[in-house]
Amino acid sequence: MLRAEENEILTRVGPGTPMGDLLRRYWTPACLTAEIPEPGGAPLRVRLLGENLVAFRDTRGRVGLVQENCPHRGASLYFGRNEDAAIRCVYHGWAFDVDGKCVDMPSEPAPFCEKVRMRAYPVHESGGIVWTYMGPRETMTPFRDFGTDGADASEFIAAKQHSTCNWVQAMEGNLDTSHISHLHQFDAIDDIPDDGSDKPGYPSNWMSWKFWRHDRAPRLEVDDTWYGYRYAGIRTTPNGNTHVRITAYALPYSTMVASIPFSSGQGLFVPIDDENCWRYILMSRARRNPRDLGGANLFAVPGAPFTVPTQRGAGGIVAREYTAENDYQINREAQRYGIFSGVSDFVSQDLMVTESMGPIYDRTQEQLGSTDRAVSRMRHLLISAAKGLAEGKEPPALTGDFTSIRGAEKILEPDEDWRALGTGADPVIQEAFDL
């Protein structure tokens, strides 16, 4: 469990808070490119790390991310006119460019544009996401490229979904390998026949599901890295083999969950404020797994009774049909006789449990076990980094080769070290990336 003051550090992200100061030192998703697609199009409200902002793509195609309230009299620039390479407040016509500089002041007989500037944050578009840096300009580091910079739009998928709980609370689900043996289970797995892939090497996707159900108490090993850590959830298969699911965590937001034979797609958990977050998904299609092993589609499982939300509204936002207001459409009959959770939508199973804890869970009440080791490690890294920054220490993982971070999954050969899987020492990676 955490002490109350540690839970406060972990969860509070507004300006001037220890965690807020830390997060502002990293490039952070602000919105999806698809939400502001056209030069001169409508502005977009963005609430990020407890700040109310407006994003817009000006008539030249440049993206601005600025404070929502006009520095003149405070009217919202969300209602502004996107014109003349600036956003113009409709109250008195003052206009500001993407850098926050006042470029027009038509209501003043003697304009003093050079004396007025609004808060504006640097942005960088990559992988269908508009990223921003909200920290001090003098400490801004180069953009952290996870492999999407310079890629064509056809080579990646970016989407996001709103969650009504603290960002860490949501992210903990992606770093918890034991819950897949319970929350995401369904009875029909028992009827899936053994297809012969329960042996050293890469199992079929449906056999992996059977392993999760067979061994519900995985052993965890955590390996610290320069960017955070990788950890393995180790299970024994029905045939007595050792199955590992390896997930990577890169401070502060990024998770690369295990997949057969490897994964480089990200789940990012970005704070809107203390009590809400966006769950971003960023998947690259530029590097495909070199082997068709049935693992590319998590739901390619015979008899799987789950739905996956594919409907995206304007701007790539995944709609919420399963919410606290409708009890996540839980079906008690299905819970007794088919789906362990009783909720048919896979992602909403995660949303149900993390949101049901309340907006910010009181972690002083927790009783943790050995399978919570990866979650505890993430918390420790974040809290230590926030405290360290307050003491003048540089945050970790600001720079490095982020394209080399991957998850992985395999049944190990005798004496094989799971730490090599998904790295440059892995033959599958060498084949996929021409190493």
Protein backbone atom coordinates (compact mmCIF):
# COMPACT_ATOMS: atom_id res chain seq x y z
CA MET A 1 0.00 0.00 0.00
CA LEU A 2 0.99 3.64 -0.37
CA ARG A 3 1.03 6.30 2.29
CA ALA A 4 -1.58 9.02 1.83
CA GLU A 5 1.03 11.61 0.87
CA GLU A 6 2.49 9.24 -1.76
CA ASN A 7 -0.95 8.69 -3.25
CA GLU A 8 -1.36 12.45 -3.50
CA ILE A 9 1.97 12.79 -5.31
CA LEU A 10 1.05 9.97 -7.69
CA THR A 11 -2.38 11.20 -8.69
CA ARG A 12 -2.35 15.03 -8.67
CA VAL A 13 -1.23 16.46 -12.02
CA GLY A 14 -2.17 20.14 -12.05
CA PRO A 15 0.33 22.99 -12.49
CA GLY A 16 2.75 23.21 -9.58
CA THR A 17 2.17 19.71 -8.23
CA PRO A 18 5.17 17.33 -8.05
CA MET A 19 3.67 14.89 -10.57
CA GLY A 20 2.34 17.70 -12.74
CA ASP A 21 5.80 19.21 -12.93
CA LEU A 22 7.26 15.81 -13.82
CA LEU A 23 4.75 15.02 -16.56
CA ARG A 24 5.29 18.43 -18.13
CA ARG A 25 8.90 17.45 -18.83
CA TYR A 26 7.78 14.76 -21.32
CA TRP A 27 6.18 15.05 -24.75
CA THR A 28 2.50 14.34 -24.11
CA PRO A 29 -0.44 13.55 -26.43
CA ALA A 30 -2.69 16.60 -26.60
CA CYS A 31 -5.20 15.40 -29.20
CA LEU A 32 -5.49 13.33 -32.33
CA THR A 33 -4.51 14.81 -35.68
CA ALA A 34 -7.92 13.72 -36.93
CA GLU A 35 -9.61 16.04 -34.43
CA ILE A 36 -8.16 19.14 -36.16
CA PRO A 37 -7.73 17.83 -39.71
CA GLU A 38 -8.18 20.90 -41.91
CA PRO A 39 -6.32 24.22 -42.12
CA GLY A 40 -8.69 26.94 -40.98
CA GLY A 41 -11.06 24.40 -39.41
CA ALA A 42 -12.92 24.63 -36.13
CA PRO A 43 -10.85 24.91 -32.95
CA LEU A 44 -10.86 22.05 -30.42
CA ARG A 45 -11.20 22.22 -26.66
CA VAL A 46 -8.33 20.37 -24.98
CA ARG A 47 -8.17 19.77 -21.24
CA LEU A 48 -4.74 18.41 -20.37
CA LEU A 49 -2.98 18.02 -17.02
CA GLY A 50 -5.70 20.15 -15.45
CA GLU A 51 -5.29 23.04 -17.90
CA ASN A 52 -7.99 24.30 -20.26
CA LEU A 53 -6.52 24.80 -23.73
CA VAL A 54 -7.58 25.18 -27.35
CA ALA A 55 -5.98 23.44 -30.31
CA PHE A 56 -6.34 24.73 -33.86
CA ARG A 57 -4.78 24.19 -37.27
CA ASP A 58 -4.29 27.62 -38.76
CA THR A 59 -4.88 28.55 -42.37
CA ARG A 60 -1.26 27.72 -43.17
CA GLY A 61 -1.60 24.24 -41.70
CA ARG A 62 0.40 24.94 -38.53
CA VAL A 63 -0.97 23.56 -35.24
CA GLY A 64 -1.37 25.78 -32.20
CA LEU A 65 -2.09 24.74 -28.63
CA VAL A 66 -2.91 27.80 -26.55
CA GLN A 67 -4.70 28.77 -23.36
CA GLU A 68 -8.46 28.72 -23.78
CA ASN A 69 -9.13 32.18 -22.36
CA CYS A 70 -8.24 35.24 -24.39
CA PRO A 71 -5.69 37.32 -22.44
CA HIS A 72 -7.74 40.47 -23.12
CA ARG A 73 -10.98 39.85 -21.21
CA GLY A 74 -11.04 36.06 -20.82
CA ALA A 75 -13.55 34.95 -23.46
CA SER A 76 -13.07 31.37 -24.66
CA LEU A 77 -11.07 31.06 -27.86
CA TYR A 78 -12.93 27.85 -28.62
CA PHE A 79 -15.54 30.18 -30.12
CA GLY A 80 -12.85 32.07 -32.01
CA ARG A 81 -12.44 32.51 -35.75
CA ASN A 82 -9.63 30.50 -37.32
CA GLU A 83 -8.48 32.92 -40.00
CA ASP A 84 -5.47 34.84 -41.31
CA ALA A 85 -2.96 32.35 -39.84
CA ALA A 86 -4.27 33.08 -36.34
CA ILE A 87 -7.14 32.43 -33.96
CA ARG A 88 -9.26 35.55 -33.49
CA CYS A 89 -11.36 36.18 -30.40
CA VAL A 90 -14.91 37.08 -31.36
CA TYR A 91 -15.31 39.43 -28.36
CA HIS A 92 -13.05 42.25 -29.56
CA GLY A 93 -11.21 40.73 -32.53
CA TRP A 94 -7.80 40.28 -30.95
CA ALA A 95 -5.87 37.61 -32.86
CA PHE A 96 -3.04 35.29 -31.81
CA ASP A 97 -0.75 33.03 -33.80
CA VAL A 98 0.27 29.46 -32.97
CA ASP A 99 3.15 30.77 -30.83
CA GLY A 100 0.80 32.83 -28.67
CA LYS A 101 1.88 36.18 -30.09
CA CYS A 102 -0.77 38.85 -30.55
CA VAL A 103 -0.81 39.69 -34.27
CA ASP A 104 -3.85 41.98 -34.48
CA MET A 105 -5.70 44.29 -32.06
CA PRO A 106 -8.43 45.98 -34.14
CA SER A 107 -10.38 47.30 -31.13
CA GLU A 108 -7.50 49.55 -30.01
CA PRO A 109 -6.85 53.00 -31.54
CA ALA A 110 -3.15 52.48 -30.78
CA PRO A 111 -2.49 48.72 -30.88
CA PHE A 112 0.15 47.33 -28.52
CA CYS A 113 0.41 43.79 -29.91
CA GLU A 114 4.08 43.48 -29.01
CA LYS A 115 3.20 43.72 -25.30
CA VAL A 116 0.62 40.92 -25.28
CA ARG A 117 1.39 37.23 -25.38
CA MET A 118 -0.68 34.24 -24.36
CA ARG A 119 0.37 30.84 -23.06
CA ALA A 120 1.18 28.53 -25.96
CA TYR A 121 2.87 25.16 -25.98
CA PRO A 122 5.18 23.65 -28.62
CA VAL A 123 3.65 20.80 -30.62
CA HIS A 124 4.89 17.94 -32.77
CA GLU A 125 2.70 15.75 -35.00
CA SER A 126 3.62 12.08 -35.21
CA GLY A 127 1.64 8.87 -35.64
CA GLY A 128 -1.71 10.61 -35.95
CA ILE A 129 -1.23 12.38 -32.61
CA VAL A 130 -0.52 16.02 -31.80
CA TRP A 131 2.07 15.89 -29.02
CA THR A 132 2.98 18.82 -26.83
CA TYR A 133 5.68 19.86 -24.41
CA MET A 134 4.30 21.78 -21.42
CA GLY A 135 7.44 22.19 -19.34
CA PRO A 136 9.98 25.03 -19.18
CA ARG A 137 11.25 25.94 -22.64
CA GLU A 138 14.85 25.81 -21.48
CA THR A 139 14.52 22.13 -20.51
CA MET A 140 12.65 20.96 -23.63
CA THR A 141 14.18 17.79 -25.07
CA PRO A 142 13.87 16.41 -28.63
CA PHE A 143 10.64 14.60 -29.44
CA ARG A 144 10.55 11.03 -28.17
CA ASP A 145 9.96 9.01 -31.34
CA PHE A 146 8.50 5.55 -30.68
CA GLY A 147 8.72 4.70 -34.36
CA THR A 148 6.10 6.86 -36.08
CA ASP A 149 8.09 9.97 -37.06
CA GLY A 150 8.16 10.36 -40.82
CA ALA A 151 5.72 7.48 -41.34
CA ASP A 152 2.88 7.78 -43.80
CA ALA A 153 -0.62 7.98 -42.35
CA SER A 154 -1.34 4.50 -43.74
CA GLU A 155 1.37 3.04 -41.50
CA PHE A 156 -0.23 3.69 -38.12
CA ILE A 157 -3.54 3.73 -36.28
CA ALA A 158 -4.28 6.26 -33.56
CA ALA A 159 -7.43 6.46 -31.44
CA LYS A 160 -8.48 7.42 -27.93
CA GLN A 161 -11.22 6.71 -25.42
CA HIS A 162 -12.30 8.66 -22.35
CA SER A 163 -12.15 7.12 -18.88
CA THR A 164 -13.63 8.60 -15.71
CA CYS A 165 -10.81 7.82 -13.33
CA ASN A 166 -7.27 8.90 -12.50
CA TRP A 167 -4.66 8.15 -15.18
CA VAL A 168 -2.50 5.91 -12.97
CA GLN A 169 -5.53 3.90 -11.94
CA ALA A 170 -6.33 3.25 -15.59
CA MET A 171 -2.72 2.51 -16.54
CA GLU A 172 -2.35 -0.07 -13.78
CA GLY A 173 -4.63 -2.40 -15.71
CA ASN A 174 -2.21 -2.55 -18.64
CA LEU A 175 0.62 -3.43 -16.26
CA ASP A 176 -1.27 -6.23 -14.50
CA THR A 177 -0.78 -9.60 -16.20
CA SER A 178 -2.65 -11.62 -13.57
CA HIS A 179 -6.05 -10.05 -14.27
CA ILE A 180 -6.25 -11.62 -17.73
CA SER A 181 -6.60 -14.98 -15.99
CA HIS A 182 -9.80 -13.72 -14.36
CA LEU A 183 -11.45 -10.53 -15.64
CA HIS A 184 -11.16 -11.41 -19.36
CA GLN A 185 -12.01 -15.11 -19.15
CA PHE A 186 -14.90 -17.06 -20.66
CA ASP A 187 -15.98 -20.69 -20.21
CA ALA A 188 -15.79 -21.67 -23.88
CA ILE A 189 -11.99 -21.58 -23.68
CA ASP A 190 -12.17 -25.02 -22.07
CA ASP A 191 -13.72 -26.41 -25.26
CA ILE A 192 -10.93 -25.18 -27.53
CA PRO A 193 -8.90 -28.25 -28.58
CA ASP A 194 -5.14 -28.47 -28.17
CA ASP A 195 -3.74 -27.55 -31.59
CA GLY A 196 -0.24 -28.84 -30.88
CA SER A 197 1.37 -25.46 -30.18
CA ASP A 198 1.85 -26.12 -26.45
CA LYS A 199 5.58 -26.59 -26.93
CA PRO A 200 8.67 -24.36 -26.99
CA GLY A 201 8.15 -21.65 -29.58
CA TYR A 202 5.19 -19.48 -30.47
CA PRO A 203 1.74 -20.79 -29.55
CA SER A 204 -1.45 -19.96 -31.38
CA ASN A 205 -3.43 -17.08 -29.98
CA TRP A 206 -6.21 -19.30 -28.66
CA MET A 207 -3.76 -21.58 -26.89
CA SER A 208 -2.34 -18.52 -25.16
CA TRP A 209 -5.81 -17.81 -23.80
CA LYS A 210 -5.96 -21.39 -22.53
CA PHE A 211 -2.64 -20.87 -20.72
CA TRP A 212 -4.02 -17.78 -18.98
CA ARG A 213 -6.99 -19.81 -17.77
CA HIS A 214 -4.91 -22.86 -16.84
CA ASP A 215 -2.40 -21.00 -14.64
CA ARG A 216 -4.18 -18.16 -12.86
CA ALA A 217 -1.36 -17.22 -10.49
CA PRO A 218 1.58 -16.14 -12.67
CA ARG A 219 5.04 -15.57 -11.28
CA LEU A 220 6.37 -12.08 -11.99
CA GLU A 221 9.92 -11.01 -12.77
CA VAL A 222 10.68 -7.31 -13.28
CA ASP A 223 13.77 -6.13 -15.13
CA ASP A 224 14.62 -2.41 -14.75
CA THR A 225 15.68 -0.56 -17.90
CA TRP A 226 16.82 2.96 -18.81
CA TYR A 227 13.25 3.88 -19.84
CA GLY A 228 11.37 2.13 -17.03
CA TYR A 229 11.13 -1.65 -17.01
CA ARG A 230 10.07 -4.83 -18.76
CA TYR A 231 8.43 -7.58 -16.84
CA ALA A 232 7.42 -11.16 -17.49
CA GLY A 233 4.30 -12.92 -16.33
CA ILE A 234 5.42 -16.54 -16.17
CA ARG A 235 2.88 -19.37 -16.42
CA THR A 236 3.10 -23.14 -16.64
CA THR A 237 1.19 -24.59 -19.58
CA PRO A 238 -0.95 -27.76 -19.48
CA ASN A 239 1.99 -29.66 -21.00
CA GLY A 240 4.37 -28.35 -18.34
CA ASN A 241 6.13 -25.75 -20.50
CA THR A 242 7.06 -22.22 -19.42
CA HIS A 243 4.98 -19.51 -21.07
CA VAL A 244 5.97 -15.84 -20.72
CA ARG A 245 4.10 -12.64 -21.48
CA ILE A 246 6.46 -9.65 -21.50
CA THR A 247 5.13 -6.11 -21.16
CA ALA A 248 7.23 -2.94 -21.30
CA TYR A 249 6.61 0.29 -19.44
CA ALA A 250 8.23 3.58 -20.52
CA LEU A 251 7.86 6.55 -18.21
CA PRO A 252 5.55 8.21 -17.78
CA TYR A 253 2.55 7.15 -19.92
CA SER A 254 3.50 4.32 -22.27
CA THR A 255 2.75 0.60 -22.05
CA MET A 256 3.61 -2.03 -24.68
CA VAL A 257 1.54 -5.07 -23.77
CA ALA A 258 2.65 -8.59 -24.66
CA SER A 259 1.74 -10.06 -28.05
CA ILE A 260 2.87 -13.03 -30.16
CA PRO A 261 5.71 -12.89 -31.12
CA PHE A 262 6.29 -9.22 -30.27
CA SER A 263 4.48 -5.91 -29.96
CA SER A 264 5.50 -2.30 -30.41
CA GLY A 265 2.06 -0.70 -30.27
CA GLN A 266 1.38 1.55 -27.33
CA GLY A 267 -1.36 2.09 -24.84
CA LEU A 268 -0.88 5.59 -23.39
CA PHE A 269 -2.75 6.92 -20.38
CA VAL A 270 -2.86 10.69 -20.47
CA PRO A 271 -4.34 12.77 -17.63
CA ILE A 272 -7.12 15.15 -18.54
CA ASP A 273 -7.10 16.20 -14.91
CA ASP A 274 -6.89 14.39 -11.57
CA GLU A 275 -10.12 12.44 -12.12
CA ASN A 276 -10.27 11.79 -15.87
CA CYS A 277 -7.92 10.50 -18.53
CA TRP A 278 -7.65 9.58 -22.19
CA ARG A 279 -6.69 6.04 -23.10
CA TYR A 280 -4.71 6.44 -26.33
CA ILE A 281 -3.93 3.58 -28.69
CA LEU A 282 -1.05 3.98 -31.15
CA MET A 283 -0.39 1.01 -33.43
CA SER A 284 2.25 0.95 -36.14
CA ARG A 285 1.66 -1.03 -39.31
CA ALA A 286 5.05 -0.23 -40.79
CA ARG A 287 6.69 -3.31 -39.23
CA ARG A 288 4.53 -6.42 -39.34
CA ASN A 289 5.25 -9.56 -37.41
CA PRO A 290 7.19 -11.79 -39.84
CA ARG A 291 5.20 -14.90 -38.93
CA ASP A 292 1.48 -15.47 -39.24
CA LEU A 293 0.93 -17.29 -35.98
CA GLY A 294 -2.61 -16.31 -35.21
CA GLY A 295 -1.46 -13.77 -32.66
CA ALA A 296 -2.05 -10.62 -34.67
CA ASN A 297 -5.72 -10.55 -33.67
CA LEU A 298 -6.23 -10.93 -29.95
CA PHE A 299 -9.84 -11.96 -30.53
CA ALA A 300 -9.17 -14.62 -33.18
CA VAL A 301 -10.30 -17.19 -30.64
CA PRO A 302 -12.98 -19.80 -31.38
CA GLY A 303 -16.06 -19.11 -29.31
CA ALA A 304 -14.86 -15.76 -27.92
CA PRO A 305 -18.04 -13.99 -26.78
CA PHE A 306 -16.50 -10.51 -26.66
CA THR A 307 -17.10 -7.41 -28.72
CA VAL A 308 -14.41 -4.85 -29.44
CA PRO A 309 -15.35 -1.17 -29.89
CA THR A 310 -14.53 -0.21 -33.45
CA GLN A 311 -16.90 2.69 -33.93
CA ARG A 312 -14.96 5.92 -33.82
CA GLY A 313 -16.71 9.25 -33.76
CA ALA A 314 -15.36 12.49 -35.12
CA GLY A 315 -11.61 12.66 -34.74
CA GLY A 316 -10.96 8.99 -33.97
CA ILE A 317 -12.58 8.95 -30.53
CA VAL A 318 -13.87 5.51 -29.54
CA ALA A 319 -17.45 5.77 -28.34
CA ARG A 320 -18.48 4.62 -24.87
CA GLU A 321 -21.54 2.37 -24.89
CA TYR A 322 -20.69 0.60 -21.63
CA THR A 323 -20.61 3.11 -18.77
CA ALA A 324 -21.17 3.39 -15.04
CA GLU A 325 -24.58 4.88 -15.78
CA ASN A 326 -25.78 1.63 -17.39
CA ASP A 327 -23.70 -0.64 -15.10
CA TYR A 328 -21.47 -1.44 -18.10
CA GLN A 329 -24.40 -3.52 -19.43
CA ILE A 330 -23.49 -6.34 -17.09
CA ASN A 331 -25.43 -9.53 -17.80
CA ARG A 332 -25.74 -11.65 -14.66
CA GLU A 333 -26.89 -14.70 -16.60
CA ALA A 334 -23.82 -14.48 -18.83
CA GLN A 335 -21.71 -14.01 -15.71
CA ARG A 336 -22.97 -17.33 -14.33
CA TYR A 337 -22.70 -19.38 -17.48
CA GLY A 338 -20.27 -17.85 -19.95
CA ILE A 339 -18.35 -14.63 -19.36
CA PHE A 340 -16.45 -14.36 -16.10
CA SER A 341 -17.13 -10.63 -15.69
CA GLY A 342 -20.62 -10.61 -17.20
CA VAL A 343 -19.61 -7.69 -19.47
CA SER A 344 -19.43 -8.56 -23.15
CA ASP A 345 -17.20 -5.70 -24.33
CA PHE A 346 -13.53 -6.56 -23.74
CA VAL A 347 -12.16 -3.05 -23.11
CA SER A 348 -15.20 -2.13 -21.02
CA GLN A 349 -14.30 -4.95 -18.65
CA ASP A 350 -11.16 -2.96 -17.79
CA LEU A 351 -13.07 0.30 -17.64
CA MET A 352 -15.61 -1.24 -15.27
CA VAL A 353 -13.09 -2.34 -12.67
CA THR A 354 -10.83 0.74 -12.78
CA GLU A 355 -13.67 3.26 -12.80
CA SER A 356 -15.60 1.41 -10.08
CA MET A 357 -12.75 2.20 -7.67
CA GLY A 358 -13.85 5.83 -7.73
CA PRO A 359 -12.16 8.77 -9.46
CA ILE A 360 -9.06 8.49 -7.26
CA TYR A 361 -8.68 5.30 -5.26
CA ASP A 362 -7.34 5.53 -1.72
CA ARG A 363 -4.31 3.26 -2.04
CA THR A 364 -3.74 3.28 1.72
CA GLN A 365 -6.55 0.68 1.79
CA GLU A 366 -4.84 -1.80 -0.53
CA GLN A 367 -3.58 -5.25 0.38
CA LEU A 368 -1.09 -6.11 -2.37
CA GLY A 369 0.28 -9.49 -3.43
CA SER A 370 3.20 -10.83 -5.44
CA THR A 371 1.35 -10.43 -8.75
CA ASP A 372 1.15 -6.67 -8.12
CA ARG A 373 4.92 -6.32 -8.42
CA ALA A 374 4.88 -4.54 -11.80
CA VAL A 375 2.20 -2.11 -10.64
CA SER A 376 4.16 -1.32 -7.48
CA ARG A 377 7.31 -0.77 -9.51
CA MET A 378 5.61 1.71 -11.82
CA ARG A 379 4.31 3.68 -8.85
CA HIS A 380 7.75 3.71 -7.25
CA LEU A 381 9.42 4.97 -10.43
CA LEU A 382 6.91 7.79 -10.89
CA ILE A 383 6.94 8.93 -7.27
CA SER A 384 10.75 8.77 -7.10
CA ALA A 385 11.06 10.76 -10.33
CA ALA A 386 8.61 13.41 -9.11
CA LYS A 387 10.44 13.77 -5.80
CA GLY A 388 13.78 13.79 -7.60
CA LEU A 389 12.70 16.59 -9.93
CA ALA A 390 11.64 18.66 -6.91
CA GLU A 391 15.19 18.15 -5.60
CA GLY A 392 16.76 19.28 -8.87
CA LYS A 393 17.39 15.88 -10.47
CA GLU A 394 16.74 15.31 -14.16
CA PRO A 395 13.78 13.01 -14.90
CA PRO A 396 14.57 9.60 -16.40
CA ALA A 397 13.87 8.50 -19.98
CA LEU A 398 13.78 11.95 -21.58
CA THR A 399 15.95 10.76 -24.46
CA GLY A 400 16.98 7.42 -25.96
CA ASP A 401 16.09 4.92 -28.64
CA PHE A 402 12.38 4.48 -27.95
CA THR A 403 11.86 2.52 -31.17
CA SER A 404 13.59 -0.47 -29.56
CA ILE A 405 11.01 -0.90 -26.77
CA ARG A 406 8.72 -3.89 -27.33
CA GLY A 407 6.56 -6.43 -25.59
CA ALA A 408 6.75 -10.13 -26.47
CA GLU A 409 5.20 -13.54 -25.84
CA LYS A 410 6.56 -17.06 -26.22
CA ILE A 411 6.87 -20.55 -24.74
CA LEU A 412 10.51 -20.67 -23.69
CA GLU A 413 13.06 -23.17 -24.87
CA PRO A 414 14.96 -24.93 -22.06
CA ASP A 415 17.31 -22.39 -20.40
CA GLU A 416 16.06 -19.54 -22.68
CA ASP A 417 16.15 -16.09 -21.03
CA TRP A 418 12.92 -14.16 -21.48
CA ARG A 419 14.82 -10.85 -21.29
CA ALA A 420 16.14 -11.31 -24.85
CA LEU A 421 12.66 -11.63 -26.37
CA GLY A 422 11.55 -8.57 -28.32
CA THR A 423 15.06 -7.09 -28.30
CA GLY A 424 17.79 -6.84 -30.93
CA ALA A 425 19.09 -10.20 -29.75
CA ASP A 426 15.82 -11.93 -30.69
CA PRO A 427 15.93 -13.63 -34.15
CA VAL A 428 12.32 -12.64 -34.77
CA ILE A 429 13.19 -8.98 -34.24
CA GLN A 430 16.28 -9.29 -36.42
CA GLU A 431 14.12 -10.68 -39.21
CA ALA A 432 11.39 -8.04 -38.85
CA PHE A 433 13.68 -5.04 -38.60
CA ASP A 434 16.56 -6.21 -40.83
CA LEU A 435 19.04 -6.07 -37.96
